[in-house]
Amino acid sequence: MRRAILLIAYGPSSMQGRAALGAFDARARALFPGLPVRWAYSSLLMRRRLAEARQKSDSVSKALQRLRLEKFSSVAVQPLQTICGAEYTQVRLAAEEADDEGFRVRLGMPLLHSDEDVRLAARAVVRHLPPERLPHEDVILMGHGARHAAASRYQALDTAVQELDARIHVGVMNGENDLDALLPRLKSPRVWLLPLLSVIGRHAQEDMAGDDALSWRGRIEAAGHACTPVLRGLAEYEAFAELWLRHLEQAAAALDAP
């Protein structure tokens, strides 16, 4: 069987984001030496921008079709997504449509799929806190959120990480546990603000850390706290990358299942 790895991202919207995806690519190649590693992007906007820049801009369906035409017989697909929300569902549907007897496709799970994933992600949060952060200082992680049942995983992560460190809080831009819910929990003069996003892009640069009064940083400062944003995506941290790669290994192993 000719095998390949297909990695899925929303799309790189910054130099830092592209570098983070490149580093994750290297990790995947090291884990599966000799296997081709390809990329696809779930965002139509990102694909259009990449195409305008004359860079590879495959959708999930197009990337799988290309692999089939290149005579690959099985593909392990791993999205760099956080929850089983709408974006992940679109990837799953594309993988299911491509899968057939002559072309086996197996899909890895997102970062926070199982209770064990949530537990490991909470440990990863604590492991990768900024070294300058003092024990009494509050830390907020900003996730994208969703109007989807799977968004409950953000709340599960908030609960799990609070069991390890009561001054760490997980919030989302869209849905329950937004910044309004977190502000009353903040006690320290300085608050650290980190993205719960795979790579750094507009959400982290503007919605989280922007100078606008409506950004999370602006609203935290308006509530009387100094705010220190850390612009580093989850894919840049070893422990989070390992969680996605763990799911990729499971997808690759499933290619051998009857």
C-alpha atoms as a PDB file:
ATOM      1  CA  MET A   1       0.000   0.000   0.000  1.00  0.00           C
ATOM      2  CA  ARG A   2       1.194   3.512  -0.814  1.00  0.00           C
ATOM      3  CA  ARG A   3       0.458   5.626   2.237  1.00  0.00           C
ATOM      4  CA  ALA A   4       0.435   9.351   2.898  1.00  0.00           C
ATOM      5  CA  ILE A   5      -0.269  11.823   5.674  1.00  0.00           C
ATOM      6  CA  LEU A   6      -2.657  14.728   5.131  1.00  0.00           C
ATOM      7  CA  LEU A   7      -2.577  17.544   7.697  1.00  0.00           C
ATOM      8  CA  ILE A   8      -5.421  20.063   7.880  1.00  0.00           C
ATOM      9  CA  ALA A   9      -5.250  23.628   9.156  1.00  0.00           C
ATOM     10  CA  TYR A  10      -7.639  26.558   8.951  1.00  0.00           C
ATOM     11  CA  GLY A  11      -4.911  28.306   7.002  1.00  0.00           C
ATOM     12  CA  PRO A  12      -1.807  30.406   7.734  1.00  0.00           C
ATOM     13  CA  SER A  13      -2.638  34.109   7.981  1.00  0.00           C
ATOM     14  CA  SER A  14       0.718  35.292   9.357  1.00  0.00           C
ATOM     15  CA  MET A  15       4.422  34.551   8.991  1.00  0.00           C
ATOM     16  CA  GLN A  16       4.396  33.134  12.505  1.00  0.00           C
ATOM     17  CA  GLY A  17       1.475  30.877  11.620  1.00  0.00           C
ATOM     18  CA  ARG A  18       3.266  29.574   8.536  1.00  0.00           C
ATOM     19  CA  ALA A  19       6.383  28.875  10.596  1.00  0.00           C
ATOM     20  CA  ALA A  20       4.322  27.000  13.201  1.00  0.00           C
ATOM     21  CA  LEU A  21       2.721  24.796  10.535  1.00  0.00           C
ATOM     22  CA  GLY A  22       6.158  24.180   9.050  1.00  0.00           C
ATOM     23  CA  ALA A  23       7.476  23.045  12.417  1.00  0.00           C
ATOM     24  CA  PHE A  24       4.483  20.731  12.890  1.00  0.00           C
ATOM     25  CA  ASP A  25       5.105  19.347   9.402  1.00  0.00           C
ATOM     26  CA  ALA A  26       8.653  18.475  10.465  1.00  0.00           C
ATOM     27  CA  ARG A  27       7.346  16.701  13.583  1.00  0.00           C
ATOM     28  CA  ALA A  28       4.946  14.617  11.489  1.00  0.00           C
ATOM     29  CA  ARG A  29       7.687  13.670   9.023  1.00  0.00           C
ATOM     30  CA  ALA A  30       9.951  12.620  11.891  1.00  0.00           C
ATOM     31  CA  LEU A  31       7.158  10.469  13.338  1.00  0.00           C
ATOM     32  CA  PHE A  32       6.444   8.835   9.962  1.00  0.00           C
ATOM     33  CA  PRO A  33       9.799   8.775   8.165  1.00  0.00           C
ATOM     34  CA  GLY A  34       9.505   8.124   4.453  1.00  0.00           C
ATOM     35  CA  LEU A  35       5.797   8.945   4.211  1.00  0.00           C
ATOM     36  CA  PRO A  36       4.751  11.954   2.106  1.00  0.00           C
ATOM     37  CA  VAL A  37       3.121  14.710   4.174  1.00  0.00           C
ATOM     38  CA  ARG A  38       0.651  17.026   2.437  1.00  0.00           C
ATOM     39  CA  TRP A  39      -1.486  19.938   3.636  1.00  0.00           C
ATOM     40  CA  ALA A  40      -5.022  21.153   3.018  1.00  0.00           C
ATOM     41  CA  TYR A  41      -6.816  24.231   4.366  1.00  0.00           C
ATOM     42  CA  SER A  42     -10.366  24.350   5.631  1.00  0.00           C
ATOM     43  CA  SER A  43     -10.860  28.116   5.189  1.00  0.00           C
ATOM     44  CA  LEU A  44     -12.040  29.268   1.762  1.00  0.00           C
ATOM     45  CA  LEU A  45     -10.705  32.761   2.484  1.00  0.00           C
ATOM     46  CA  MET A  46      -7.262  31.398   3.342  1.00  0.00           C
ATOM     47  CA  ARG A  47      -7.265  29.224   0.214  1.00  0.00           C
ATOM     48  CA  ARG A  48      -8.082  32.237  -1.950  1.00  0.00           C
ATOM     49  CA  ARG A  49      -5.269  34.252  -0.380  1.00  0.00           C
ATOM     50  CA  LEU A  50      -2.799  31.411  -0.867  1.00  0.00           C
ATOM     51  CA  ALA A  51      -3.892  30.996  -4.488  1.00  0.00           C
ATOM     52  CA  GLU A  52      -3.416  34.724  -5.118  1.00  0.00           C
ATOM     53  CA  ALA A  53       0.104  34.379  -3.700  1.00  0.00           C
ATOM     54  CA  ARG A  54       0.700  31.379  -6.009  1.00  0.00           C
ATOM     55  CA  GLN A  55       1.050  28.996  -3.065  1.00  0.00           C
ATOM     56  CA  LYS A  56      -0.529  25.581  -2.582  1.00  0.00           C
ATOM     57  CA  SER A  57      -4.154  26.042  -1.572  1.00  0.00           C
ATOM     58  CA  ASP A  58      -5.902  22.667  -1.634  1.00  0.00           C
ATOM     59  CA  SER A  59      -9.206  22.074   0.103  1.00  0.00           C
ATOM     60  CA  VAL A  60      -9.564  18.771   1.951  1.00  0.00           C
ATOM     61  CA  SER A  61     -11.508  17.228  -0.933  1.00  0.00           C
ATOM     62  CA  LYS A  62      -9.034  18.450  -3.549  1.00  0.00           C
ATOM     63  CA  ALA A  63      -6.024  17.216  -1.562  1.00  0.00           C
ATOM     64  CA  LEU A  64      -7.566  13.763  -1.176  1.00  0.00           C
ATOM     65  CA  GLN A  65      -8.471  13.669  -4.855  1.00  0.00           C
ATOM     66  CA  ARG A  66      -4.901  14.611  -5.751  1.00  0.00           C
ATOM     67  CA  LEU A  67      -3.519  11.798  -3.564  1.00  0.00           C
ATOM     68  CA  ARG A  68      -5.869   9.312  -5.235  1.00  0.00           C
ATOM     69  CA  LEU A  69      -4.693  10.428  -8.684  1.00  0.00           C
ATOM     70  CA  GLU A  70      -1.105   9.955  -7.520  1.00  0.00           C
ATOM     71  CA  LYS A  71      -1.973   6.291  -6.832  1.00  0.00           C
ATOM     72  CA  PHE A  72      -1.865   6.420  -3.040  1.00  0.00           C
ATOM     73  CA  SER A  73      -4.106   3.755  -1.538  1.00  0.00           C
ATOM     74  CA  SER A  74      -4.470   4.950   2.062  1.00  0.00           C
ATOM     75  CA  VAL A  75      -4.264   8.302   3.847  1.00  0.00           C
ATOM     76  CA  ALA A  76      -4.188   9.251   7.527  1.00  0.00           C
ATOM     77  CA  VAL A  77      -5.780  12.689   7.940  1.00  0.00           C
ATOM     78  CA  GLN A  78      -5.139  14.892  10.962  1.00  0.00           C
ATOM     79  CA  PRO A  79      -6.807  18.287  11.460  1.00  0.00           C
ATOM     80  CA  LEU A  80      -5.208  20.840  13.780  1.00  0.00           C
ATOM     81  CA  GLN A  81      -8.572  21.689  15.302  1.00  0.00           C
ATOM     82  CA  THR A  82      -9.556  22.000  18.935  1.00  0.00           C
ATOM     83  CA  ILE A  83     -13.041  20.461  19.128  1.00  0.00           C
ATOM     84  CA  CYS A  84     -15.429  18.356  17.041  1.00  0.00           C
ATOM     85  CA  GLY A  85     -17.291  21.449  15.892  1.00  0.00           C
ATOM     86  CA  ALA A  86     -18.610  22.569  12.511  1.00  0.00           C
ATOM     87  CA  GLU A  87     -15.166  22.937  10.922  1.00  0.00           C
ATOM     88  CA  TYR A  88     -14.148  19.436  11.994  1.00  0.00           C
ATOM     89  CA  THR A  89     -17.488  18.091  10.716  1.00  0.00           C
ATOM     90  CA  GLN A  90     -16.728  19.498   7.263  1.00  0.00           C
ATOM     91  CA  VAL A  91     -13.355  17.736   7.280  1.00  0.00           C
ATOM     92  CA  ARG A  92     -14.983  14.488   8.415  1.00  0.00           C
ATOM     93  CA  LEU A  93     -17.577  14.635   5.634  1.00  0.00           C
ATOM     94  CA  ALA A  94     -14.877  15.206   3.013  1.00  0.00           C
ATOM     95  CA  ALA A  95     -12.868  12.262   4.377  1.00  0.00           C
ATOM     96  CA  GLU A  96     -15.918  10.002   4.411  1.00  0.00           C
ATOM     97  CA  GLU A  97     -16.822  10.970   0.848  1.00  0.00           C
ATOM     98  CA  ALA A  98     -13.319  10.116  -0.389  1.00  0.00           C
ATOM     99  CA  ASP A  99     -13.050   6.818   1.478  1.00  0.00           C
ATOM    100  CA  ASP A 100     -13.844   3.679  -0.485  1.00  0.00           C
ATOM    101  CA  GLU A 101     -12.558   0.148  -1.059  1.00  0.00           C
ATOM    102  CA  GLY A 102      -9.648   1.263  -3.229  1.00  0.00           C
ATOM    103  CA  PHE A 103      -8.737   4.402  -1.287  1.00  0.00           C
ATOM    104  CA  ARG A 104      -8.800   4.117   2.490  1.00  0.00           C
ATOM    105  CA  VAL A 105      -9.044   7.341   4.496  1.00  0.00           C
ATOM    106  CA  ARG A 106      -8.868   7.460   8.293  1.00  0.00           C
ATOM    107  CA  LEU A 107      -9.406  10.663  10.264  1.00  0.00           C
ATOM    108  CA  GLY A 108      -7.672  11.665  13.486  1.00  0.00           C
ATOM    109  CA  MET A 109      -9.580  13.385  16.278  1.00  0.00           C
ATOM    110  CA  PRO A 110      -9.235  17.042  17.330  1.00  0.00           C
ATOM    111  CA  LEU A 111      -7.294  18.222  20.350  1.00  0.00           C
ATOM    112  CA  LEU A 112     -10.074  17.973  22.960  1.00  0.00           C
ATOM    113  CA  HIS A 113     -11.975  14.903  21.803  1.00  0.00           C
ATOM    114  CA  SER A 114     -11.995  12.645  24.864  1.00  0.00           C
ATOM    115  CA  ASP A 115     -11.894  13.130  28.620  1.00  0.00           C
ATOM    116  CA  GLU A 116      -8.308  11.865  28.503  1.00  0.00           C
ATOM    117  CA  ASP A 117      -7.487  14.506  25.887  1.00  0.00           C
ATOM    118  CA  VAL A 118      -8.877  17.193  28.176  1.00  0.00           C
ATOM    119  CA  ARG A 119      -6.804  15.908  31.089  1.00  0.00           C
ATOM    120  CA  LEU A 120      -3.613  15.856  28.998  1.00  0.00           C
ATOM    121  CA  ALA A 121      -4.355  19.295  27.536  1.00  0.00           C
ATOM    122  CA  ALA A 122      -4.786  20.725  31.040  1.00  0.00           C
ATOM    123  CA  ARG A 123      -1.364  19.368  31.963  1.00  0.00           C
ATOM    124  CA  ALA A 124       0.040  20.867  28.749  1.00  0.00           C
ATOM    125  CA  VAL A 125      -1.366  24.286  29.703  1.00  0.00           C
ATOM    126  CA  VAL A 126       0.404  24.187  33.067  1.00  0.00           C
ATOM    127  CA  ARG A 127       3.605  22.864  31.489  1.00  0.00           C
ATOM    128  CA  HIS A 128       3.809  25.731  29.007  1.00  0.00           C
ATOM    129  CA  LEU A 129       2.871  28.711  31.157  1.00  0.00           C
ATOM    130  CA  PRO A 130       5.092  31.773  30.651  1.00  0.00           C
ATOM    131  CA  PRO A 131       8.161  31.329  32.874  1.00  0.00           C
ATOM    132  CA  GLU A 132       7.797  34.925  34.136  1.00  0.00           C
ATOM    133  CA  ARG A 133       4.275  34.311  35.419  1.00  0.00           C
ATOM    134  CA  LEU A 134       4.065  34.414  39.227  1.00  0.00           C
ATOM    135  CA  PRO A 135       1.976  31.765  41.062  1.00  0.00           C
ATOM    136  CA  HIS A 136      -0.677  34.256  42.230  1.00  0.00           C
ATOM    137  CA  GLU A 137      -1.202  35.797  38.779  1.00  0.00           C
ATOM    138  CA  ASP A 138      -4.278  35.015  36.708  1.00  0.00           C
ATOM    139  CA  VAL A 139      -3.898  33.456  33.272  1.00  0.00           C
ATOM    140  CA  ILE A 140      -6.640  33.469  30.628  1.00  0.00           C
ATOM    141  CA  LEU A 141      -6.643  31.232  27.566  1.00  0.00           C
ATOM    142  CA  MET A 142      -8.859  32.497  24.747  1.00  0.00           C
ATOM    143  CA  GLY A 143     -10.450  29.859  22.522  1.00  0.00           C
ATOM    144  CA  HIS A 144     -12.550  30.441  19.456  1.00  0.00           C
ATOM    145  CA  GLY A 145     -15.691  28.793  20.821  1.00  0.00           C
ATOM    146  CA  ALA A 146     -18.710  27.619  18.846  1.00  0.00           C
ATOM    147  CA  ARG A 147     -22.489  27.381  18.855  1.00  0.00           C
ATOM    148  CA  HIS A 148     -22.148  23.623  18.882  1.00  0.00           C
ATOM    149  CA  ALA A 149     -22.567  20.859  21.470  1.00  0.00           C
ATOM    150  CA  ALA A 150     -18.825  20.089  21.224  1.00  0.00           C
ATOM    151  CA  ALA A 151     -18.077  23.539  22.675  1.00  0.00           C
ATOM    152  CA  SER A 152     -18.651  21.965  26.094  1.00  0.00           C
ATOM    153  CA  ARG A 153     -15.059  20.700  25.796  1.00  0.00           C
ATOM    154  CA  TYR A 154     -13.832  24.238  26.481  1.00  0.00           C
ATOM    155  CA  GLN A 155     -15.728  24.228  29.771  1.00  0.00           C
ATOM    156  CA  ALA A 156     -14.331  20.780  30.525  1.00  0.00           C
ATOM    157  CA  LEU A 157     -10.801  22.097  29.961  1.00  0.00           C
ATOM    158  CA  ASP A 158     -11.522  25.083  32.211  1.00  0.00           C
ATOM    159  CA  THR A 159     -12.598  22.710  34.979  1.00  0.00           C
ATOM    160  CA  ALA A 160      -9.617  20.394  34.469  1.00  0.00           C
ATOM    161  CA  VAL A 161      -7.026  23.144  34.449  1.00  0.00           C
ATOM    162  CA  GLN A 162      -8.531  24.811  37.529  1.00  0.00           C
ATOM    163  CA  GLU A 163      -7.972  21.560  39.418  1.00  0.00           C
ATOM    164  CA  LEU A 164      -4.263  21.981  38.681  1.00  0.00           C
ATOM    165  CA  ASP A 165      -4.042  25.759  39.137  1.00  0.00           C
ATOM    166  CA  ALA A 166      -7.024  27.798  40.338  1.00  0.00           C
ATOM    167  CA  ARG A 167      -5.658  30.983  38.745  1.00  0.00           C
ATOM    168  CA  ILE A 168      -5.884  29.660  35.174  1.00  0.00           C
ATOM    169  CA  HIS A 169      -9.111  30.285  33.268  1.00  0.00           C
ATOM    170  CA  VAL A 170     -10.332  29.086  29.860  1.00  0.00           C
ATOM    171  CA  GLY A 171     -12.740  31.308  27.927  1.00  0.00           C
ATOM    172  CA  VAL A 172     -14.105  31.558  24.411  1.00  0.00           C
ATOM    173  CA  MET A 173     -14.938  34.296  21.942  1.00  0.00           C
ATOM    174  CA  ASN A 174     -18.249  32.687  20.995  1.00  0.00           C
ATOM    175  CA  GLY A 175     -20.487  30.806  23.408  1.00  0.00           C
ATOM    176  CA  GLU A 176     -20.635  30.278  27.133  1.00  0.00           C
ATOM    177  CA  ASN A 177     -17.691  31.114  29.384  1.00  0.00           C
ATOM    178  CA  ASP A 178     -16.873  34.253  27.439  1.00  0.00           C
ATOM    179  CA  LEU A 179     -14.774  37.105  28.820  1.00  0.00           C
ATOM    180  CA  ASP A 180     -17.756  38.613  30.663  1.00  0.00           C
ATOM    181  CA  ALA A 181     -17.989  35.388  32.672  1.00  0.00           C
ATOM    182  CA  LEU A 182     -14.250  35.389  33.425  1.00  0.00           C
ATOM    183  CA  LEU A 183     -13.695  39.004  34.474  1.00  0.00           C
ATOM    184  CA  PRO A 184     -15.204  38.583  37.985  1.00  0.00           C
ATOM    185  CA  ARG A 185     -12.787  35.679  38.589  1.00  0.00           C
ATOM    186  CA  LEU A 186      -9.677  37.819  38.066  1.00  0.00           C
ATOM    187  CA  LYS A 187      -7.879  38.863  41.260  1.00  0.00           C
ATOM    188  CA  SER A 188      -4.253  39.648  40.384  1.00  0.00           C
ATOM    189  CA  PRO A 189      -2.941  43.092  39.358  1.00  0.00           C
ATOM    190  CA  ARG A 190      -1.390  41.553  36.238  1.00  0.00           C
ATOM    191  CA  VAL A 191      -3.234  39.103  33.982  1.00  0.00           C
ATOM    192  CA  TRP A 192      -1.570  36.895  31.368  1.00  0.00           C
ATOM    193  CA  LEU A 193      -3.505  36.367  28.144  1.00  0.00           C
ATOM    194  CA  LEU A 194      -2.793  33.400  25.865  1.00  0.00           C
ATOM    195  CA  PRO A 195      -4.522  32.073  22.721  1.00  0.00           C
ATOM    196  CA  LEU A 196      -6.117  28.622  22.790  1.00  0.00           C
ATOM    197  CA  LEU A 197      -5.705  28.553  19.002  1.00  0.00           C
ATOM    198  CA  SER A 198      -3.529  26.332  16.836  1.00  0.00           C
ATOM    199  CA  VAL A 199      -1.599  29.188  15.198  1.00  0.00           C
ATOM    200  CA  ILE A 200      -1.309  32.951  15.496  1.00  0.00           C
ATOM    201  CA  GLY A 201      -3.576  34.903  13.167  1.00  0.00           C
ATOM    202  CA  ARG A 202      -6.118  37.700  13.239  1.00  0.00           C
ATOM    203  CA  HIS A 203      -8.041  36.387  16.253  1.00  0.00           C
ATOM    204  CA  ALA A 204      -4.933  36.343  18.436  1.00  0.00           C
ATOM    205  CA  GLN A 205      -3.415  39.545  17.078  1.00  0.00           C
ATOM    206  CA  GLU A 206      -6.573  41.659  17.029  1.00  0.00           C
ATOM    207  CA  ASP A 207      -9.461  40.104  18.980  1.00  0.00           C
ATOM    208  CA  MET A 208      -7.233  38.941  21.834  1.00  0.00           C
ATOM    209  CA  ALA A 209      -4.169  41.197  22.021  1.00  0.00           C
ATOM    210  CA  GLY A 210      -5.204  44.201  19.914  1.00  0.00           C
ATOM    211  CA  ASP A 211      -5.065  47.819  21.060  1.00  0.00           C
ATOM    212  CA  ASP A 212      -8.801  48.258  20.429  1.00  0.00           C
ATOM    213  CA  ALA A 213     -10.916  48.852  23.535  1.00  0.00           C
ATOM    214  CA  LEU A 214     -13.131  45.899  22.553  1.00  0.00           C
ATOM    215  CA  SER A 215     -10.267  43.396  22.396  1.00  0.00           C
ATOM    216  CA  TRP A 216      -9.843  41.012  25.312  1.00  0.00           C
ATOM    217  CA  ARG A 217      -6.699  42.889  26.290  1.00  0.00           C
ATOM    218  CA  GLY A 218      -8.521  46.227  26.187  1.00  0.00           C
ATOM    219  CA  ARG A 219     -11.420  44.941  28.249  1.00  0.00           C
ATOM    220  CA  ILE A 220      -9.143  43.358  30.864  1.00  0.00           C
ATOM    221  CA  GLU A 221      -7.222  46.618  31.182  1.00  0.00           C
ATOM    222  CA  ALA A 222     -10.484  48.564  31.434  1.00  0.00           C
ATOM    223  CA  ALA A 223     -11.393  46.302  34.368  1.00  0.00           C
ATOM    224  CA  GLY A 224      -8.308  47.568  36.222  1.00  0.00           C
ATOM    225  CA  HIS A 225      -5.673  44.937  35.455  1.00  0.00           C
ATOM    226  CA  ALA A 226      -2.381  45.162  33.629  1.00  0.00           C
ATOM    227  CA  CYS A 227      -2.512  42.659  30.775  1.00  0.00           C
ATOM    228  CA  THR A 228       0.393  40.774  29.198  1.00  0.00           C
ATOM    229  CA  PRO A 229      -0.526  38.899  26.000  1.00  0.00           C
ATOM    230  CA  VAL A 230       1.603  36.000  24.773  1.00  0.00           C
ATOM    231  CA  LEU A 231       1.339  35.557  21.005  1.00  0.00           C
ATOM    232  CA  ARG A 232       2.180  31.906  20.558  1.00  0.00           C
ATOM    233  CA  GLY A 233      -0.145  29.281  19.051  1.00  0.00           C
ATOM    234  CA  LEU A 234      -0.742  25.813  20.483  1.00  0.00           C
ATOM    235  CA  ALA A 235       1.066  24.123  17.595  1.00  0.00           C
ATOM    236  CA  GLU A 236       4.243  25.905  18.709  1.00  0.00           C
ATOM    237  CA  TYR A 237       4.250  24.084  22.064  1.00  0.00           C
ATOM    238  CA  GLU A 238       5.673  20.592  22.278  1.00  0.00           C
ATOM    239  CA  ALA A 239       3.010  19.138  24.592  1.00  0.00           C
ATOM    240  CA  PHE A 240       0.092  20.296  22.430  1.00  0.00           C
ATOM    241  CA  ALA A 241       1.787  19.166  19.219  1.00  0.00           C
ATOM    242  CA  GLU A 242       2.248  15.755  20.826  1.00  0.00           C
ATOM    243  CA  LEU A 243      -1.490  15.501  21.484  1.00  0.00           C
ATOM    244  CA  TRP A 244      -2.346  16.086  17.823  1.00  0.00           C
ATOM    245  CA  LEU A 245       0.398  13.684  16.754  1.00  0.00           C
ATOM    246  CA  ARG A 246      -1.019  11.084  19.137  1.00  0.00           C
ATOM    247  CA  HIS A 247      -4.320  11.293  17.275  1.00  0.00           C
ATOM    248  CA  LEU A 248      -2.471  11.083  13.962  1.00  0.00           C
ATOM    249  CA  GLU A 249      -0.798   7.873  15.127  1.00  0.00           C
ATOM    250  CA  GLN A 250      -4.227   6.458  15.978  1.00  0.00           C
ATOM    251  CA  ALA A 251      -5.538   7.361  12.519  1.00  0.00           C
ATOM    252  CA  ALA A 252      -2.509   5.757  10.864  1.00  0.00           C
ATOM    253  CA  ALA A 253      -2.949   2.608  12.950  1.00  0.00           C
ATOM    254  CA  ALA A 254      -6.599   2.459  11.860  1.00  0.00           C
ATOM    255  CA  LEU A 255      -5.449   2.072   8.254  1.00  0.00           C
ATOM    256  CA  ASP A 256      -4.411  -1.478   9.175  1.00  0.00           C
ATOM    257  CA  ALA A 257      -7.713  -2.364  10.837  1.00  0.00           C
ATOM    258  CA  PRO A 258      -9.961  -4.850   9.001  1.00  0.00           C
END
